[in-house]
Amino acid sequence: MTLAVLAFSAITLMPNIVLAHCDTMNGPVVKAAQKALETGNVNLVFIWVQKKDEAEIKRAFEQTLAVRKLSAEAKKLADMYFFETLVRIHRAGEGAPYTGLKPASYKVDPGIEAADRAIEKGSVDGLMKNLTDAIHQGVLEHFKHVMAKKNFGKDDVDAGREFVRAYVVFIHYVERLYQSTKQPVKGHFHEPEENGAHED
């Protein structure tokens, strides 16, 4: 049960991985844009931007609808313009930089894929298993490393220091797991705090 709770924090322990997938061609933002263009309903993409950005999105949407009627090539270029505009403004609302749209073949983090599948299926079972397995493997590997270094000779200072290094890594790994389960998750956009506090 403990591992199941800790599993939710697994993706927070991978700081070198770009977790966002809103800037991919297979991501939810572009999918919403495609649906909006197919149906002519711009409201389908407004949920991905802040209210203050709706006018800019609407202008881009109307321009795209007008241009995409000209030819197949114009449609392709106009659609890409709208995708990029929407994703850029969406990411700006998150306080994230826009570095271009990633292709459909781009591989996002497995945790994000599992989370999306859970929402699509309406069940968290597969997600919990994936995260629990990841946590179990990580804890076990660090634990085995500590135990392999534990029984050093009392006069072997170098070996003792190797144990301490392994010990510190293990303790901090577990500590970060527990801490991440207690920290609140920030909202989608940078919203002002209650009581007139400054934005995050």
N, C-alpha and C. Protein backbone atom coordinates (compact mmCIF):
# COMPACT_ATOMS: atom_id res chain seq x y z
N MET A 1 0.83 -1.20 0.00
CA MET A 1 0.00 0.00 0.00
C MET A 1 0.86 1.25 0.00
N THR A 2 1.95 1.20 0.79
CA THR A 2 2.85 2.35 0.85
C THR A 2 3.44 2.65 -0.52
N LEU A 3 3.87 1.59 -1.21
CA LEU A 3 4.44 1.79 -2.54
C LEU A 3 3.41 2.34 -3.51
N ALA A 4 2.18 1.92 -3.32
CA ALA A 4 1.13 2.42 -4.20
C ALA A 4 0.96 3.93 -4.04
N VAL A 5 1.05 4.40 -2.79
CA VAL A 5 0.94 5.83 -2.54
C VAL A 5 2.16 6.56 -3.08
N LEU A 6 3.33 5.99 -2.84
CA LEU A 6 4.57 6.62 -3.30
C LEU A 6 4.67 6.63 -4.82
N ALA A 7 3.99 5.72 -5.46
CA ALA A 7 4.10 5.62 -6.92
C ALA A 7 3.72 6.90 -7.62
N PHE A 8 2.80 7.66 -7.04
CA PHE A 8 2.38 8.89 -7.68
C PHE A 8 3.51 9.87 -7.85
N SER A 9 4.58 9.72 -7.07
CA SER A 9 5.67 10.69 -7.12
C SER A 9 6.80 10.26 -8.03
N ALA A 10 6.67 9.15 -8.71
CA ALA A 10 7.79 8.61 -9.48
C ALA A 10 8.32 9.58 -10.51
N ILE A 11 7.42 10.23 -11.24
CA ILE A 11 7.88 11.10 -12.33
C ILE A 11 8.54 12.36 -11.82
N THR A 12 8.38 12.69 -10.53
CA THR A 12 9.02 13.88 -10.00
C THR A 12 10.50 13.64 -9.74
N LEU A 13 10.94 12.41 -9.84
CA LEU A 13 12.33 12.08 -9.53
C LEU A 13 13.20 12.02 -10.78
N MET A 14 12.70 12.53 -11.90
CA MET A 14 13.44 12.49 -13.15
C MET A 14 13.59 13.90 -13.69
N PRO A 15 14.40 14.75 -13.04
CA PRO A 15 14.48 16.16 -13.41
C PRO A 15 15.06 16.41 -14.78
N ASN A 16 15.78 15.47 -15.35
CA ASN A 16 16.41 15.70 -16.65
C ASN A 16 15.51 15.32 -17.81
N ILE A 17 14.30 14.84 -17.51
CA ILE A 17 13.38 14.46 -18.56
C ILE A 17 12.31 15.54 -18.69
N VAL A 18 12.07 15.97 -19.92
CA VAL A 18 11.02 16.96 -20.15
C VAL A 18 9.69 16.21 -20.11
N LEU A 19 8.92 16.44 -19.05
CA LEU A 19 7.73 15.65 -18.85
C LEU A 19 6.55 16.13 -19.68
N ALA A 20 6.53 17.40 -20.03
CA ALA A 20 5.38 17.93 -20.76
C ALA A 20 5.25 17.27 -22.11
N HIS A 21 4.00 17.03 -22.54
CA HIS A 21 3.78 16.49 -23.88
C HIS A 21 2.78 17.34 -24.64
N CYS A 22 2.51 18.53 -24.13
CA CYS A 22 1.57 19.42 -24.80
C CYS A 22 2.16 20.00 -26.08
N ASP A 23 3.46 19.84 -26.29
CA ASP A 23 4.10 20.41 -27.49
C ASP A 23 4.44 19.33 -28.51
N THR A 24 3.72 18.22 -28.47
CA THR A 24 3.93 17.16 -29.46
C THR A 24 2.72 17.08 -30.39
N MET A 25 2.93 16.57 -31.59
CA MET A 25 1.85 16.45 -32.56
C MET A 25 0.78 15.45 -32.10
N ASN A 26 1.15 14.55 -31.21
CA ASN A 26 0.19 13.58 -30.68
C ASN A 26 -0.37 14.02 -29.32
N GLY A 27 0.03 15.20 -28.87
CA GLY A 27 -0.40 15.66 -27.56
C GLY A 27 -1.84 16.17 -27.55
N PRO A 28 -2.39 16.38 -26.37
CA PRO A 28 -3.79 16.79 -26.25
C PRO A 28 -4.11 18.16 -26.82
N VAL A 29 -3.13 19.07 -26.84
CA VAL A 29 -3.39 20.42 -27.34
C VAL A 29 -3.59 20.39 -28.86
N VAL A 30 -2.70 19.71 -29.56
CA VAL A 30 -2.82 19.61 -31.01
C VAL A 30 -4.06 18.80 -31.40
N LYS A 31 -4.36 17.77 -30.64
CA LYS A 31 -5.56 16.98 -30.92
C LYS A 31 -6.82 17.85 -30.79
N ALA A 32 -6.83 18.71 -29.78
CA ALA A 32 -7.96 19.62 -29.61
C ALA A 32 -8.04 20.61 -30.77
N ALA A 33 -6.87 21.06 -31.23
CA ALA A 33 -6.82 21.99 -32.36
C ALA A 33 -7.35 21.33 -33.63
N GLN A 34 -6.97 20.09 -33.85
CA GLN A 34 -7.45 19.36 -35.03
C GLN A 34 -8.96 19.21 -35.01
N LYS A 35 -9.48 18.88 -33.84
CA LYS A 35 -10.93 18.73 -33.71
C LYS A 35 -11.65 20.06 -33.91
N ALA A 36 -11.07 21.14 -33.41
CA ALA A 36 -11.66 22.46 -33.57
C ALA A 36 -11.73 22.85 -35.04
N LEU A 37 -10.66 22.57 -35.77
CA LEU A 37 -10.63 22.91 -37.19
C LEU A 37 -11.60 22.05 -38.00
N GLU A 38 -11.73 20.80 -37.59
CA GLU A 38 -12.65 19.90 -38.30
C GLU A 38 -14.10 20.33 -38.11
N THR A 39 -14.41 20.80 -36.91
CA THR A 39 -15.80 21.14 -36.58
C THR A 39 -16.11 22.63 -36.72
N GLY A 40 -15.06 23.46 -36.83
CA GLY A 40 -15.26 24.90 -36.88
C GLY A 40 -15.62 25.50 -35.53
N ASN A 41 -15.34 24.77 -34.45
CA ASN A 41 -15.69 25.21 -33.10
C ASN A 41 -14.44 25.59 -32.32
N VAL A 42 -14.14 26.88 -32.21
CA VAL A 42 -12.94 27.34 -31.54
C VAL A 42 -13.00 27.13 -30.03
N ASN A 43 -14.20 26.95 -29.49
CA ASN A 43 -14.33 26.74 -28.05
C ASN A 43 -13.59 25.49 -27.58
N LEU A 44 -13.36 24.56 -28.50
CA LEU A 44 -12.69 23.31 -28.14
C LEU A 44 -11.23 23.53 -27.73
N VAL A 45 -10.65 24.65 -28.15
CA VAL A 45 -9.25 24.91 -27.79
C VAL A 45 -9.11 25.97 -26.71
N PHE A 46 -10.17 26.71 -26.42
CA PHE A 46 -10.08 27.75 -25.40
C PHE A 46 -9.70 27.19 -24.03
N ILE A 47 -10.06 25.94 -23.78
CA ILE A 47 -9.74 25.35 -22.47
C ILE A 47 -8.23 25.23 -22.25
N TRP A 48 -7.46 25.27 -23.33
CA TRP A 48 -6.01 25.10 -23.21
C TRP A 48 -5.25 26.41 -23.06
N VAL A 49 -5.97 27.52 -23.05
CA VAL A 49 -5.32 28.82 -22.88
C VAL A 49 -6.07 29.62 -21.82
N GLN A 50 -5.43 30.68 -21.36
CA GLN A 50 -6.06 31.55 -20.39
C GLN A 50 -7.06 32.47 -21.10
N LYS A 51 -8.02 32.96 -20.34
CA LYS A 51 -9.08 33.78 -20.91
C LYS A 51 -8.53 35.00 -21.64
N LYS A 52 -7.47 35.59 -21.10
CA LYS A 52 -6.89 36.79 -21.72
C LYS A 52 -6.33 36.51 -23.11
N ASP A 53 -6.10 35.24 -23.44
CA ASP A 53 -5.51 34.88 -24.73
C ASP A 53 -6.54 34.42 -25.76
N GLU A 54 -7.80 34.42 -25.37
CA GLU A 54 -8.83 33.91 -26.27
C GLU A 54 -8.92 34.70 -27.58
N ALA A 55 -8.81 36.02 -27.49
CA ALA A 55 -8.95 36.85 -28.70
C ALA A 55 -7.86 36.51 -29.72
N GLU A 56 -6.62 36.34 -29.25
CA GLU A 56 -5.53 36.01 -30.16
C GLU A 56 -5.73 34.64 -30.79
N ILE A 57 -6.19 33.70 -30.01
CA ILE A 57 -6.46 32.36 -30.53
C ILE A 57 -7.59 32.40 -31.56
N LYS A 58 -8.62 33.17 -31.27
CA LYS A 58 -9.75 33.26 -32.20
C LYS A 58 -9.32 33.86 -33.53
N ARG A 59 -8.47 34.89 -33.49
CA ARG A 59 -7.97 35.48 -34.74
C ARG A 59 -7.19 34.46 -35.55
N ALA A 60 -6.30 33.74 -34.88
CA ALA A 60 -5.50 32.72 -35.57
C ALA A 60 -6.40 31.63 -36.13
N PHE A 61 -7.42 31.28 -35.39
CA PHE A 61 -8.36 30.24 -35.82
C PHE A 61 -9.11 30.67 -37.09
N GLU A 62 -9.61 31.88 -37.08
CA GLU A 62 -10.36 32.39 -38.24
C GLU A 62 -9.46 32.53 -39.46
N GLN A 63 -8.22 32.98 -39.26
CA GLN A 63 -7.28 33.09 -40.37
C GLN A 63 -6.98 31.71 -40.95
N THR A 64 -6.82 30.74 -40.07
CA THR A 64 -6.53 29.38 -40.51
C THR A 64 -7.69 28.80 -41.31
N LEU A 65 -8.90 28.99 -40.84
CA LEU A 65 -10.07 28.49 -41.56
C LEU A 65 -10.16 29.10 -42.96
N ALA A 66 -9.82 30.38 -43.08
CA ALA A 66 -9.90 31.06 -44.37
C ALA A 66 -8.84 30.55 -45.33
N VAL A 67 -7.61 30.41 -44.85
CA VAL A 67 -6.49 30.02 -45.71
C VAL A 67 -6.56 28.56 -46.11
N ARG A 68 -6.99 27.69 -45.20
CA ARG A 68 -6.96 26.25 -45.49
C ARG A 68 -7.91 25.85 -46.61
N LYS A 69 -8.81 26.74 -47.02
CA LYS A 69 -9.75 26.46 -48.11
C LYS A 69 -9.08 26.61 -49.48
N LEU A 70 -7.92 27.26 -49.53
CA LEU A 70 -7.31 27.59 -50.82
C LEU A 70 -6.78 26.39 -51.58
N SER A 71 -6.10 25.49 -50.86
CA SER A 71 -5.54 24.30 -51.51
C SER A 71 -5.10 23.32 -50.43
N ALA A 72 -4.73 22.13 -50.87
CA ALA A 72 -4.26 21.12 -49.92
C ALA A 72 -2.98 21.58 -49.22
N GLU A 73 -2.09 22.20 -49.99
CA GLU A 73 -0.84 22.69 -49.41
C GLU A 73 -1.11 23.84 -48.45
N ALA A 74 -2.03 24.72 -48.82
CA ALA A 74 -2.38 25.85 -47.95
C ALA A 74 -3.00 25.33 -46.66
N LYS A 75 -3.81 24.31 -46.77
CA LYS A 75 -4.44 23.70 -45.58
C LYS A 75 -3.39 23.16 -44.62
N LYS A 76 -2.40 22.48 -45.17
CA LYS A 76 -1.34 21.90 -44.35
C LYS A 76 -0.56 22.99 -43.62
N LEU A 77 -0.20 24.05 -44.35
CA LEU A 77 0.57 25.14 -43.75
C LEU A 77 -0.26 25.93 -42.74
N ALA A 78 -1.52 26.17 -43.07
CA ALA A 78 -2.38 26.93 -42.17
C ALA A 78 -2.63 26.17 -40.88
N ASP A 79 -2.85 24.87 -41.00
CA ASP A 79 -3.08 24.05 -39.81
C ASP A 79 -1.87 24.08 -38.89
N MET A 80 -0.69 23.93 -39.49
CA MET A 80 0.53 23.95 -38.69
C MET A 80 0.71 25.30 -38.00
N TYR A 81 0.38 26.37 -38.68
CA TYR A 81 0.44 27.71 -38.07
C TYR A 81 -0.46 27.77 -36.84
N PHE A 82 -1.67 27.24 -36.96
CA PHE A 82 -2.59 27.28 -35.83
C PHE A 82 -2.10 26.39 -34.69
N PHE A 83 -1.60 25.21 -35.02
CA PHE A 83 -1.07 24.32 -33.98
C PHE A 83 0.03 25.01 -33.19
N GLU A 84 0.96 25.60 -33.93
CA GLU A 84 2.11 26.24 -33.28
C GLU A 84 1.68 27.45 -32.45
N THR A 85 0.74 28.22 -32.97
CA THR A 85 0.26 29.39 -32.23
C THR A 85 -0.41 28.96 -30.93
N LEU A 86 -1.26 27.96 -31.02
CA LEU A 86 -1.98 27.48 -29.84
C LEU A 86 -1.03 26.91 -28.80
N VAL A 87 -0.10 26.07 -29.22
CA VAL A 87 0.83 25.45 -28.28
C VAL A 87 1.74 26.51 -27.65
N ARG A 88 2.19 27.45 -28.46
CA ARG A 88 3.07 28.52 -27.93
C ARG A 88 2.36 29.31 -26.83
N ILE A 89 1.11 29.69 -27.08
CA ILE A 89 0.36 30.48 -26.10
C ILE A 89 0.00 29.63 -24.88
N HIS A 90 -0.31 28.37 -25.12
CA HIS A 90 -0.59 27.45 -24.01
C HIS A 90 0.61 27.34 -23.09
N ARG A 91 1.78 27.13 -23.66
CA ARG A 91 2.98 26.96 -22.85
C ARG A 91 3.36 28.26 -22.14
N ALA A 92 3.14 29.38 -22.80
CA ALA A 92 3.40 30.66 -22.14
C ALA A 92 2.52 30.80 -20.90
N GLY A 93 1.30 30.32 -20.98
CA GLY A 93 0.40 30.37 -19.84
C GLY A 93 0.87 29.50 -18.69
N GLU A 94 1.67 28.47 -19.01
CA GLU A 94 2.24 27.60 -17.98
C GLU A 94 3.57 28.13 -17.47
N GLY A 95 4.05 29.20 -18.10
CA GLY A 95 5.37 29.71 -17.74
C GLY A 95 6.48 28.88 -18.33
N ALA A 96 6.18 28.16 -19.42
CA ALA A 96 7.16 27.28 -20.05
C ALA A 96 7.56 27.83 -21.41
N PRO A 97 8.80 27.61 -21.82
CA PRO A 97 9.25 28.12 -23.12
C PRO A 97 8.68 27.28 -24.25
N TYR A 98 8.55 27.89 -25.42
CA TYR A 98 8.11 27.16 -26.61
C TYR A 98 9.32 26.91 -27.48
N THR A 99 9.59 25.66 -27.78
CA THR A 99 10.77 25.30 -28.57
C THR A 99 10.38 24.60 -29.87
N GLY A 100 9.12 24.76 -30.25
CA GLY A 100 8.67 24.13 -31.49
C GLY A 100 7.87 22.87 -31.23
N LEU A 101 7.10 22.47 -32.24
CA LEU A 101 6.30 21.25 -32.12
C LEU A 101 7.16 20.02 -32.39
N LYS A 102 7.03 19.04 -31.56
CA LYS A 102 7.76 17.80 -31.73
C LYS A 102 6.91 16.85 -32.59
N PRO A 103 7.55 16.02 -33.41
CA PRO A 103 6.81 15.15 -34.32
C PRO A 103 6.01 14.08 -33.59
N ALA A 104 5.10 13.46 -34.32
CA ALA A 104 4.26 12.41 -33.74
C ALA A 104 5.09 11.24 -33.23
N SER A 105 6.28 11.05 -33.81
CA SER A 105 7.15 9.94 -33.40
C SER A 105 7.89 10.22 -32.10
N TYR A 106 7.79 11.47 -31.60
CA TYR A 106 8.51 11.83 -30.38
C TYR A 106 8.02 10.98 -29.21
N LYS A 107 8.95 10.42 -28.46
CA LYS A 107 8.61 9.54 -27.35
C LYS A 107 8.53 10.34 -26.06
N VAL A 108 7.34 10.43 -25.50
CA VAL A 108 7.18 11.13 -24.23
C VAL A 108 7.48 10.18 -23.09
N ASP A 109 7.57 10.72 -21.88
CA ASP A 109 7.87 9.90 -20.72
C ASP A 109 6.80 8.82 -20.53
N PRO A 110 7.22 7.58 -20.20
CA PRO A 110 6.25 6.49 -20.00
C PRO A 110 5.18 6.81 -18.96
N GLY A 111 5.55 7.59 -17.95
CA GLY A 111 4.57 7.95 -16.92
C GLY A 111 3.44 8.78 -17.48
N ILE A 112 3.77 9.67 -18.41
CA ILE A 112 2.74 10.51 -19.03
C ILE A 112 1.84 9.66 -19.92
N GLU A 113 2.43 8.76 -20.67
CA GLU A 113 1.63 7.87 -21.52
C GLU A 113 0.66 7.05 -20.67
N ALA A 114 1.16 6.54 -19.55
CA ALA A 114 0.32 5.73 -18.68
C ALA A 114 -0.79 6.57 -18.07
N ALA A 115 -0.48 7.82 -17.72
CA ALA A 115 -1.50 8.70 -17.15
C ALA A 115 -2.59 9.01 -18.17
N ASP A 116 -2.19 9.26 -19.42
CA ASP A 116 -3.17 9.52 -20.48
C ASP A 116 -4.05 8.30 -20.73
N ARG A 117 -3.43 7.13 -20.73
CA ARG A 117 -4.21 5.90 -20.95
C ARG A 117 -5.22 5.69 -19.83
N ALA A 118 -4.81 6.03 -18.59
CA ALA A 118 -5.71 5.87 -17.45
C ALA A 118 -6.95 6.74 -17.62
N ILE A 119 -6.74 7.98 -18.09
CA ILE A 119 -7.87 8.88 -18.31
C ILE A 119 -8.77 8.37 -19.43
N GLU A 120 -8.14 7.89 -20.51
CA GLU A 120 -8.91 7.38 -21.65
C GLU A 120 -9.75 6.16 -21.26
N LYS A 121 -9.17 5.28 -20.44
CA LYS A 121 -9.85 4.05 -20.05
C LYS A 121 -10.77 4.24 -18.84
N GLY A 122 -10.57 5.34 -18.14
CA GLY A 122 -11.38 5.56 -16.94
C GLY A 122 -10.98 4.66 -15.79
N SER A 123 -9.74 4.22 -15.80
CA SER A 123 -9.24 3.33 -14.74
C SER A 123 -7.79 3.65 -14.43
N VAL A 124 -7.45 3.67 -13.14
CA VAL A 124 -6.09 3.98 -12.72
C VAL A 124 -5.27 2.71 -12.49
N ASP A 125 -5.86 1.55 -12.69
CA ASP A 125 -5.18 0.29 -12.36
C ASP A 125 -3.85 0.12 -13.08
N GLY A 126 -3.85 0.30 -14.41
CA GLY A 126 -2.60 0.13 -15.16
C GLY A 126 -1.56 1.15 -14.77
N LEU A 127 -1.99 2.38 -14.53
CA LEU A 127 -1.07 3.44 -14.11
C LEU A 127 -0.43 3.11 -12.78
N MET A 128 -1.25 2.65 -11.82
CA MET A 128 -0.72 2.32 -10.50
C MET A 128 0.30 1.19 -10.58
N LYS A 129 0.04 0.22 -11.43
CA LYS A 129 0.98 -0.89 -11.56
C LYS A 129 2.31 -0.40 -12.14
N ASN A 130 2.24 0.41 -13.20
CA ASN A 130 3.46 0.92 -13.81
C ASN A 130 4.29 1.75 -12.83
N LEU A 131 3.62 2.64 -12.10
CA LEU A 131 4.34 3.49 -11.16
C LEU A 131 4.87 2.70 -9.98
N THR A 132 4.07 1.77 -9.48
CA THR A 132 4.52 0.95 -8.36
C THR A 132 5.73 0.12 -8.75
N ASP A 133 5.71 -0.43 -9.95
CA ASP A 133 6.86 -1.21 -10.44
C ASP A 133 8.11 -0.33 -10.53
N ALA A 134 7.93 0.92 -11.02
CA ALA A 134 9.07 1.83 -11.15
C ALA A 134 9.65 2.18 -9.79
N ILE A 135 8.78 2.46 -8.83
CA ILE A 135 9.23 2.77 -7.48
C ILE A 135 9.94 1.58 -6.85
N HIS A 136 9.34 0.41 -6.99
CA HIS A 136 9.92 -0.80 -6.42
C HIS A 136 11.32 -1.06 -6.96
N GLN A 137 11.47 -0.92 -8.28
CA GLN A 137 12.78 -1.15 -8.90
C GLN A 137 13.81 -0.13 -8.41
N GLY A 138 13.42 1.14 -8.35
CA GLY A 138 14.35 2.17 -7.92
C GLY A 138 14.81 1.99 -6.48
N VAL A 139 13.86 1.74 -5.58
CA VAL A 139 14.20 1.54 -4.17
C VAL A 139 15.07 0.31 -4.01
N LEU A 140 14.72 -0.77 -4.69
CA LEU A 140 15.47 -2.01 -4.56
C LEU A 140 16.91 -1.86 -5.04
N GLU A 141 17.10 -1.18 -6.16
CA GLU A 141 18.46 -1.00 -6.67
C GLU A 141 19.32 -0.19 -5.71
N HIS A 142 18.77 0.91 -5.19
CA HIS A 142 19.53 1.72 -4.23
C HIS A 142 19.79 0.95 -2.94
N PHE A 143 18.81 0.18 -2.50
CA PHE A 143 18.96 -0.60 -1.26
C PHE A 143 20.05 -1.65 -1.42
N LYS A 144 20.05 -2.35 -2.54
CA LYS A 144 21.07 -3.38 -2.77
C LYS A 144 22.46 -2.76 -2.79
N HIS A 145 22.58 -1.57 -3.36
CA HIS A 145 23.88 -0.90 -3.41
C HIS A 145 24.37 -0.56 -2.01
N VAL A 146 23.46 -0.07 -1.16
CA VAL A 146 23.83 0.24 0.23
C VAL A 146 24.27 -1.02 0.96
N MET A 147 23.51 -2.07 0.83
CA MET A 147 23.82 -3.31 1.56
C MET A 147 25.14 -3.92 1.10
N ALA A 148 25.47 -3.72 -0.19
CA ALA A 148 26.73 -4.25 -0.69
C ALA A 148 27.92 -3.51 -0.11
N LYS A 149 27.72 -2.27 0.33
CA LYS A 149 28.80 -1.46 0.88
C LYS A 149 28.82 -1.45 2.41
N LYS A 150 27.82 -2.04 3.03
CA LYS A 150 27.61 -1.89 4.47
C LYS A 150 28.68 -2.56 5.33
N ASN A 151 29.06 -3.74 5.00
CA ASN A 151 29.96 -4.51 5.86
C ASN A 151 31.43 -4.24 5.54
N PHE A 152 31.87 -3.05 5.85
CA PHE A 152 33.27 -2.67 5.61
C PHE A 152 34.07 -2.81 6.91
N GLY A 153 35.35 -3.00 6.76
CA GLY A 153 36.21 -3.12 7.93
C GLY A 153 36.25 -1.82 8.72
N LYS A 154 36.33 -1.91 10.02
CA LYS A 154 36.27 -0.71 10.86
C LYS A 154 37.44 0.23 10.62
N ASP A 155 38.55 -0.29 10.11
CA ASP A 155 39.70 0.56 9.83
C ASP A 155 39.82 0.93 8.35
N ASP A 156 38.88 0.46 7.55
CA ASP A 156 38.91 0.75 6.11
C ASP A 156 38.09 2.02 5.85
N VAL A 157 38.74 3.16 5.97
CA VAL A 157 38.04 4.44 5.84
C VAL A 157 37.50 4.65 4.43
N ASP A 158 38.26 4.26 3.42
CA ASP A 158 37.80 4.44 2.04
C ASP A 158 36.51 3.66 1.79
N ALA A 159 36.47 2.42 2.26
CA ALA A 159 35.27 1.60 2.09
C ALA A 159 34.11 2.20 2.89
N GLY A 160 34.43 2.75 4.04
CA GLY A 160 33.40 3.38 4.86
C GLY A 160 32.79 4.57 4.16
N ARG A 161 33.62 5.34 3.48
CA ARG A 161 33.13 6.49 2.75
C ARG A 161 32.26 6.07 1.57
N GLU A 162 32.62 4.96 0.92
CA GLU A 162 31.78 4.45 -0.16
C GLU A 162 30.40 4.07 0.36
N PHE A 163 30.38 3.47 1.57
CA PHE A 163 29.10 3.13 2.18
C PHE A 163 28.28 4.39 2.45
N VAL A 164 28.93 5.40 2.98
CA VAL A 164 28.22 6.64 3.31
C VAL A 164 27.62 7.27 2.05
N ARG A 165 28.38 7.26 0.96
CA ARG A 165 27.86 7.82 -0.29
C ARG A 165 26.61 7.06 -0.74
N ALA A 166 26.70 5.73 -0.68
CA ALA A 166 25.55 4.92 -1.08
C ALA A 166 24.38 5.14 -0.13
N TYR A 167 24.68 5.27 1.14
CA TYR A 167 23.65 5.49 2.16
C TYR A 167 22.92 6.81 1.92
N VAL A 168 23.68 7.86 1.67
CA VAL A 168 23.09 9.18 1.46
C VAL A 168 22.19 9.19 0.23
N VAL A 169 22.64 8.57 -0.84
CA VAL A 169 21.83 8.51 -2.06
C VAL A 169 20.52 7.77 -1.79
N PHE A 170 20.61 6.64 -1.10
CA PHE A 170 19.42 5.85 -0.79
C PHE A 170 18.44 6.63 0.09
N ILE A 171 18.94 7.25 1.14
CA ILE A 171 18.09 7.99 2.06
C ILE A 171 17.41 9.16 1.35
N HIS A 172 18.17 9.88 0.54
CA HIS A 172 17.59 11.03 -0.17
C HIS A 172 16.57 10.59 -1.21
N TYR A 173 16.83 9.44 -1.83
CA TYR A 173 15.87 8.92 -2.82
C TYR A 173 14.52 8.65 -2.16
N VAL A 174 14.57 7.94 -1.03
CA VAL A 174 13.33 7.62 -0.31
C VAL A 174 12.70 8.89 0.26
N GLU A 175 13.54 9.80 0.76
CA GLU A 175 13.03 11.04 1.32
C GLU A 175 12.25 11.83 0.27
N ARG A 176 12.79 11.90 -0.94
CA ARG A 176 12.12 12.65 -2.01
C ARG A 176 10.80 12.00 -2.39
N LEU A 177 10.75 10.67 -2.33
CA LEU A 177 9.50 9.98 -2.61
C LEU A 177 8.42 10.41 -1.61
N TYR A 178 8.76 10.37 -0.34
CA TYR A 178 7.79 10.73 0.69
C TYR A 178 7.41 12.20 0.61
N GLN A 179 8.39 13.06 0.42
CA GLN A 179 8.10 14.49 0.37
C GLN A 179 7.18 14.84 -0.79
N SER A 180 7.39 14.20 -1.93
CA SER A 180 6.58 14.53 -3.11
C SER A 180 5.13 14.13 -2.93
N THR A 181 4.84 13.18 -2.04
CA THR A 181 3.45 12.81 -1.79
C THR A 181 2.75 13.83 -0.90
N LYS A 182 3.51 14.66 -0.24
CA LYS A 182 2.93 15.65 0.68
C LYS A 182 2.85 17.05 0.08
N GLN A 183 3.60 17.28 -0.99
CA GLN A 183 3.62 18.61 -1.59
C GLN A 183 2.42 18.80 -2.50
N PRO A 184 1.76 19.95 -2.43
CA PRO A 184 0.61 20.20 -3.30
C PRO A 184 1.04 20.33 -4.76
N VAL A 185 0.18 19.91 -5.65
CA VAL A 185 0.45 20.02 -7.08
C VAL A 185 -0.10 21.35 -7.56
N LYS A 186 0.73 22.11 -8.26
CA LYS A 186 0.30 23.41 -8.75
C LYS A 186 -0.72 23.26 -9.86
N GLY A 187 -1.52 24.29 -10.02
CA GLY A 187 -2.54 24.29 -11.07
C GLY A 187 -1.93 24.35 -12.45
N HIS A 188 -2.79 24.21 -13.44
CA HIS A 188 -2.32 24.17 -14.84
C HIS A 188 -1.68 25.49 -15.24
N PHE A 189 -2.30 26.61 -14.86
CA PHE A 189 -1.76 27.91 -15.17
C PHE A 189 -1.27 28.57 -13.89
N HIS A 190 -0.44 29.59 -14.02
CA HIS A 190 0.04 30.34 -12.87
C HIS A 190 -1.09 31.24 -12.38
N GLU A 191 -1.74 30.81 -11.33
CA GLU A 191 -2.87 31.56 -10.81
C GLU A 191 -2.47 32.27 -9.53
N PRO A 192 -3.04 33.44 -9.27
CA PRO A 192 -2.72 34.14 -8.03
C PRO A 192 -3.23 33.38 -6.82
N GLU A 193 -2.48 33.45 -5.73
CA GLU A 193 -2.90 32.79 -4.51
C GLU A 193 -4.03 33.57 -3.87
N GLU A 194 -4.72 32.91 -2.94
CA GLU A 194 -5.80 33.56 -2.25
C GLU A 194 -5.28 34.69 -1.37
N ASN A 195 -6.19 35.56 -0.98
CA ASN A 195 -5.85 36.69 -0.11
C ASN A 195 -4.90 37.69 -0.77
N GLY A 196 -4.95 37.74 -2.11
CA GLY A 196 -4.17 38.76 -2.82
C GLY A 196 -2.70 38.49 -2.85
N ALA A 197 -2.27 37.26 -2.62
CA ALA A 197 -0.83 36.96 -2.65
C ALA A 197 -0.33 37.04 -4.07
N HIS A 198 0.99 37.18 -4.22
CA HIS A 198 1.59 37.24 -5.55
C HIS A 198 1.50 35.88 -6.22
N GLU A 199 1.58 35.89 -7.54
CA GLU A 199 1.59 34.63 -8.28
C GLU A 199 2.84 33.85 -7.97
N ASP A 200 2.75 32.51 -8.17
CA ASP A 200 3.93 31.66 -7.95
C ASP A 200 5.03 32.04 -8.91
